[in-house]
Amino acid sequence: MFTGLTDETIQFFLDLKFHNNTPYFHENHDRYVETVQTPFYEMITDLGEDMRKIDPMMEIRPYKCLSRIHRDTRFSRDKSPYRDHLWFLFRRAGEPRDKSLFYYFEFGVDRLSWGMGIWGENRELMDLFRKRMRANPDGILALLDDLDLPGHKLILNGSFFKRMDIPDEIPMRLKPWYTGREIYVGRYNPVWQWAFSERILKEVRKDFRTLAPLYRLLRGYLDDLSHDE
């Protein structure tokens, strides 16, 4: 059962940041498992039932959800072999990460965030989303109003087209959504201390449930695209 991340979790990331080499990691592998991997696995396990209620096809096995601490340095100038942070993703089992729709949680030395969105640019999905917005802007607005993202301190982020023509029928509040390339909705400015108690699990679970209608809307669009192929 997850009871919070710990000072030892942060200390491991800090130590790895300054001793980022294979011998050090191998010497401290058991410490990594105890202070980092295990609490992440516990958090994933405790959220699993909620995620399957949102989508019965969601991958919830911890070792499939948690990111690797080993970095892929083949195409990076930074050749540090290990990360000083980790994340986990909940997405459909068997789907590739690229362009997938997912829930995420990320924690490290200088980061704490969670939310739901698209991994990378998915032009096909966003074009369909734009098409549905043009066809029924009031319906999309009603869904967003019911979610009350600002009231839950959830905010739209991502990358956006700067020169896209926006039809007149698209209301002002939908324009950021309409111009999206890679979008995600995340918790704005979470309290750092939450990560070190069960409070973080409570807050993440609440926000993941809040975002479920938006997830199902976008998931439906992805399913429509796959049926058209």
Protein backbone atom coordinates (compact mmCIF):
# COMPACT_ATOMS: atom_id res chain seq x y z
CA MET A 1 0.00 0.00 0.00
CA PHE A 2 1.32 3.42 -1.00
CA THR A 3 2.01 5.76 1.91
CA GLY A 4 3.97 8.45 0.09
CA LEU A 5 7.35 9.00 -1.45
CA THR A 6 10.17 9.68 1.00
CA ASP A 7 13.22 11.82 1.64
CA GLU A 8 15.22 8.74 0.63
CA THR A 9 13.53 8.84 -2.79
CA ILE A 10 14.73 12.39 -3.35
CA GLN A 11 18.15 11.60 -1.92
CA PHE A 12 18.60 8.73 -4.35
CA PHE A 13 17.76 10.98 -7.30
CA LEU A 14 20.14 13.65 -5.99
CA ASP A 15 22.96 11.17 -5.49
CA LEU A 16 22.40 9.71 -8.95
CA LYS A 17 22.41 13.19 -10.46
CA PHE A 18 25.94 13.75 -9.17
CA HIS A 19 27.18 10.17 -9.64
CA ASN A 20 25.53 9.41 -12.96
CA ASN A 21 27.51 6.38 -14.04
CA THR A 22 26.99 2.65 -14.38
CA PRO A 23 29.25 1.46 -11.53
CA TYR A 24 27.51 3.75 -9.03
CA PHE A 25 24.04 2.65 -10.12
CA HIS A 26 24.97 -1.02 -9.96
CA GLU A 27 26.36 -0.54 -6.46
CA ASN A 28 23.12 1.16 -5.40
CA HIS A 29 20.62 -0.91 -7.33
CA ASP A 30 19.02 -2.39 -4.22
CA ARG A 31 18.65 1.12 -2.84
CA TYR A 32 16.93 2.17 -6.08
CA VAL A 33 14.47 -0.71 -5.81
CA GLU A 34 13.66 0.04 -2.16
CA THR A 35 13.42 3.84 -2.24
CA VAL A 36 12.24 4.57 -5.79
CA GLN A 37 10.84 1.64 -7.71
CA THR A 38 8.85 0.10 -4.86
CA PRO A 39 6.87 3.24 -3.86
CA PHE A 40 6.17 3.99 -7.52
CA TYR A 41 4.93 0.44 -8.01
CA GLU A 42 2.73 0.77 -4.91
CA MET A 43 1.20 3.99 -6.22
CA ILE A 44 0.49 2.44 -9.62
CA THR A 45 -1.10 -0.59 -7.95
CA ASP A 46 -3.34 1.55 -5.72
CA LEU A 47 -4.56 3.53 -8.75
CA GLY A 48 -5.12 0.47 -10.92
CA GLU A 49 -8.76 -0.19 -10.02
CA ASP A 50 -9.68 3.45 -10.69
CA MET A 51 -7.95 3.35 -14.09
CA ARG A 52 -9.76 0.17 -15.15
CA LYS A 53 -13.06 1.87 -14.25
CA ILE A 54 -12.13 4.72 -16.58
CA ASP A 55 -11.04 2.32 -19.33
CA PRO A 56 -11.26 -1.47 -18.90
CA MET A 57 -8.48 -1.87 -21.45
CA MET A 58 -6.00 0.25 -19.50
CA GLU A 59 -2.56 -1.21 -18.83
CA ILE A 60 -2.07 -1.28 -15.04
CA ARG A 61 0.85 -3.68 -14.53
CA PRO A 62 3.47 -1.61 -12.67
CA TYR A 63 6.47 -2.82 -14.65
CA LYS A 64 4.65 -1.86 -17.87
CA CYS A 65 3.56 1.55 -16.56
CA LEU A 66 6.75 2.84 -14.93
CA SER A 67 9.39 4.51 -17.08
CA ARG A 68 12.88 3.05 -17.23
CA ILE A 69 15.52 4.81 -15.20
CA HIS A 70 17.99 4.09 -18.00
CA ARG A 71 18.09 6.86 -20.60
CA ASP A 72 18.25 6.29 -24.35
CA THR A 73 21.28 8.41 -25.20
CA ARG A 74 21.68 7.43 -28.85
CA PHE A 75 20.27 10.68 -30.21
CA SER A 76 21.01 12.99 -27.27
CA ARG A 77 23.96 15.25 -26.56
CA ASP A 78 23.48 14.42 -22.88
CA LYS A 79 25.09 11.01 -22.46
CA SER A 80 24.15 10.63 -18.79
CA PRO A 81 22.96 7.01 -18.58
CA TYR A 82 20.31 7.50 -15.87
CA ARG A 83 17.38 9.81 -15.15
CA ASP A 84 17.05 11.89 -11.98
CA HIS A 85 13.26 11.55 -12.19
CA LEU A 86 10.68 8.94 -13.17
CA TRP A 87 7.13 8.88 -14.47
CA PHE A 88 4.41 6.35 -14.99
CA LEU A 89 1.77 6.19 -17.69
CA PHE A 90 -1.64 4.58 -17.83
CA ARG A 91 -2.62 3.87 -21.44
CA ARG A 92 -4.28 1.12 -23.45
CA ALA A 93 -2.40 -2.16 -23.17
CA GLY A 94 -0.32 -2.90 -26.23
CA GLU A 95 -0.53 0.55 -27.76
CA PRO A 96 2.75 2.29 -28.61
CA ARG A 97 3.59 5.32 -26.50
CA ASP A 98 3.97 7.61 -29.53
CA LYS A 99 0.66 9.41 -30.22
CA SER A 100 -1.07 7.51 -27.43
CA LEU A 101 -3.67 8.94 -25.07
CA PHE A 102 -2.53 8.50 -21.51
CA TYR A 103 -2.66 9.52 -17.87
CA TYR A 104 0.68 10.41 -16.32
CA PHE A 105 2.43 11.11 -13.04
CA GLU A 106 5.99 12.46 -12.86
CA PHE A 107 8.28 13.05 -9.89
CA GLY A 108 11.93 13.96 -9.45
CA VAL A 109 14.38 16.33 -7.86
CA ASP A 110 12.77 19.42 -9.35
CA ARG A 111 9.43 18.24 -10.69
CA LEU A 112 6.01 17.08 -9.58
CA SER A 113 3.17 16.88 -12.09
CA TRP A 114 0.29 14.73 -13.27
CA GLY A 115 -2.58 14.83 -15.71
CA MET A 116 -3.83 13.40 -19.00
CA GLY A 117 -3.00 14.02 -22.62
CA ILE A 118 -1.42 12.94 -25.90
CA TRP A 119 2.19 11.77 -26.19
CA GLY A 120 3.62 13.71 -29.10
CA GLU A 121 1.82 15.27 -32.01
CA ASN A 122 -1.18 13.29 -33.23
CA ARG A 123 -2.45 15.25 -36.22
CA GLU A 124 -5.13 12.72 -37.13
CA LEU A 125 -6.70 12.83 -33.67
CA MET A 126 -6.53 16.62 -33.40
CA ASP A 127 -7.98 17.10 -36.89
CA LEU A 128 -10.93 14.92 -35.90
CA PHE A 129 -11.28 16.86 -32.64
CA ARG A 130 -11.37 20.10 -34.64
CA LYS A 131 -13.97 18.63 -36.99
CA ARG A 132 -16.19 17.66 -34.04
CA MET A 133 -15.71 21.13 -32.51
CA ARG A 134 -16.91 22.76 -35.71
CA ALA A 135 -19.90 20.45 -35.85
CA ASN A 136 -20.91 20.83 -32.19
CA PRO A 137 -19.08 23.64 -30.39
CA ASP A 138 -21.81 23.95 -27.77
CA GLY A 139 -21.52 20.28 -26.87
CA ILE A 140 -17.75 20.47 -26.39
CA LEU A 141 -18.15 23.63 -24.32
CA ALA A 142 -20.76 21.94 -22.16
CA LEU A 143 -18.40 19.04 -21.46
CA LEU A 144 -15.58 21.41 -20.51
CA ASP A 145 -17.91 23.46 -18.32
CA ASP A 146 -18.99 20.31 -16.50
CA LEU A 147 -15.34 19.40 -15.92
CA ASP A 148 -14.63 22.83 -14.40
CA LEU A 149 -10.90 22.50 -15.04
CA PRO A 150 -9.98 25.88 -13.46
CA GLY A 151 -11.94 24.98 -10.33
CA HIS A 152 -9.85 21.81 -10.00
CA LYS A 153 -6.62 23.73 -10.74
CA LEU A 154 -6.19 21.81 -13.98
CA ILE A 155 -4.84 23.67 -16.97
CA LEU A 156 -4.47 23.03 -20.70
CA ASN A 157 -0.84 22.83 -21.83
CA GLY A 158 1.06 21.56 -24.84
CA SER A 159 2.07 22.95 -28.22
CA PHE A 160 -0.22 24.91 -30.51
CA PHE A 161 -0.40 26.12 -34.11
CA LYS A 162 0.26 29.87 -34.17
CA ARG A 163 -1.10 30.63 -37.64
CA MET A 164 -4.07 28.30 -37.92
CA ASP A 165 -7.26 29.77 -39.34
CA ILE A 166 -10.04 29.46 -36.76
CA PRO A 167 -13.62 29.33 -38.09
CA ASP A 168 -16.06 31.95 -36.83
CA GLU A 169 -18.26 29.30 -35.23
CA ILE A 170 -15.52 28.35 -32.75
CA PRO A 171 -16.12 30.22 -29.45
CA MET A 172 -13.26 32.11 -27.84
CA ARG A 173 -12.92 29.57 -25.02
CA LEU A 174 -12.43 26.72 -27.50
CA LYS A 175 -9.72 28.42 -29.55
CA PRO A 176 -6.78 27.08 -27.49
CA TRP A 177 -8.19 23.57 -27.88
CA TYR A 178 -8.82 24.08 -31.58
CA THR A 179 -5.22 25.06 -32.33
CA GLY A 180 -3.68 22.19 -30.39
CA ARG A 181 -0.88 20.08 -31.83
CA GLU A 182 0.16 18.14 -28.70
CA ILE A 183 -2.15 18.77 -25.77
CA TYR A 184 -2.35 17.67 -22.18
CA VAL A 185 -4.26 18.83 -19.11
CA GLY A 186 -2.22 18.91 -15.92
CA ARG A 187 -2.43 19.96 -12.30
CA TYR A 188 -1.32 23.55 -11.84
CA ASN A 189 1.28 24.20 -9.14
CA PRO A 190 0.71 21.18 -6.86
CA VAL A 191 1.91 21.32 -3.27
CA TRP A 192 5.34 19.69 -3.08
CA GLN A 193 4.81 18.29 0.43
CA TRP A 194 1.87 16.20 -0.78
CA ALA A 195 4.32 13.82 -2.46
CA PHE A 196 5.55 12.60 0.92
CA SER A 197 2.24 11.33 2.24
CA GLU A 198 -0.92 9.55 1.14
CA ARG A 199 -2.27 12.99 0.18
CA ILE A 200 -0.58 12.74 -3.22
CA LEU A 201 -2.48 9.54 -4.00
CA LYS A 202 -5.75 11.20 -3.00
CA GLU A 203 -5.11 14.25 -5.19
CA VAL A 204 -3.95 12.28 -8.21
CA ARG A 205 -6.90 9.89 -7.97
CA LYS A 206 -9.33 12.81 -7.73
CA ASP A 207 -7.87 14.59 -10.76
CA PHE A 208 -7.70 11.41 -12.83
CA ARG A 209 -11.39 10.82 -12.15
CA THR A 210 -12.18 14.45 -12.98
CA LEU A 211 -10.50 14.08 -16.36
CA ALA A 212 -12.29 10.83 -17.22
CA PRO A 213 -15.01 12.44 -19.43
CA LEU A 214 -12.35 14.21 -21.49
CA TYR A 215 -10.32 11.01 -21.74
CA ARG A 216 -13.38 9.09 -22.95
CA LEU A 217 -14.19 11.77 -25.51
CA LEU A 218 -10.70 11.68 -27.01
CA ARG A 219 -10.51 7.90 -26.65
CA GLY A 220 -13.70 7.66 -28.69
CA TYR A 221 -12.12 9.75 -31.41
CA LEU A 222 -9.06 7.47 -31.47
CA ASP A 223 -11.31 4.44 -31.72
CA ASP A 224 -13.20 6.06 -34.61
CA LEU A 225 -9.91 6.61 -36.42
CA SER A 226 -8.84 3.01 -35.93
CA HIS A 227 -12.20 1.78 -37.30
CA ASP A 228 -11.75 3.92 -40.39
CA GLU A 229 -8.37 2.36 -41.22
